[in-house]
Amino acid sequence: MYILKPVRCFVKCLNELNFSLTQKKALEVILWLATKKPNIGYHALLKTLFFAEEYHLNHYGRPIVGDVYLAMAYGPVASTTYDILKQEALAIELLDDDLPFDNVDKKITPLRKPDLRQLSPSDIEALEYAVKD
């Protein structure tokens, strides 16, 4: 099995492939992870998402969310997903909805269950894999 390593290569390859980002799907992934790991922080959520994206891209040829990853001090960060977590105005406006999670001290608490219709079985498989690690 081919695994994209090192991380720098994975981020570069993922960003160059130009997958389209689905903000609603990113929101459902946030809710799914926050449901599986109560009071998950930004860093842990974004790191888990990165490993799920890597797993999914290696096994199924596409990412889960299709976000653009930026190199940050503590590792790669999914740009738009991070903006949603920080409750950036533009990210929220693009969702056309109130955010269905509380954000207190950079800890995420879901206010509803994730809409699993937005996530494929392979998306959930990759997220489960990343949560275990």
Foldseek 3Di string as FASTA:
>chain_A
DDADDDPVRVLVVLQVVQDDFDLLQLLLLLQQVCVVPPQDAQVLSQQLQSQLQRVCCVPPVGGRGSARWDQDPVGIGRVLSVCVLVVPPVSVVVVVDDRQWDADPRTTHGNDHRDCVSGDPSSVVSSVVSVVD
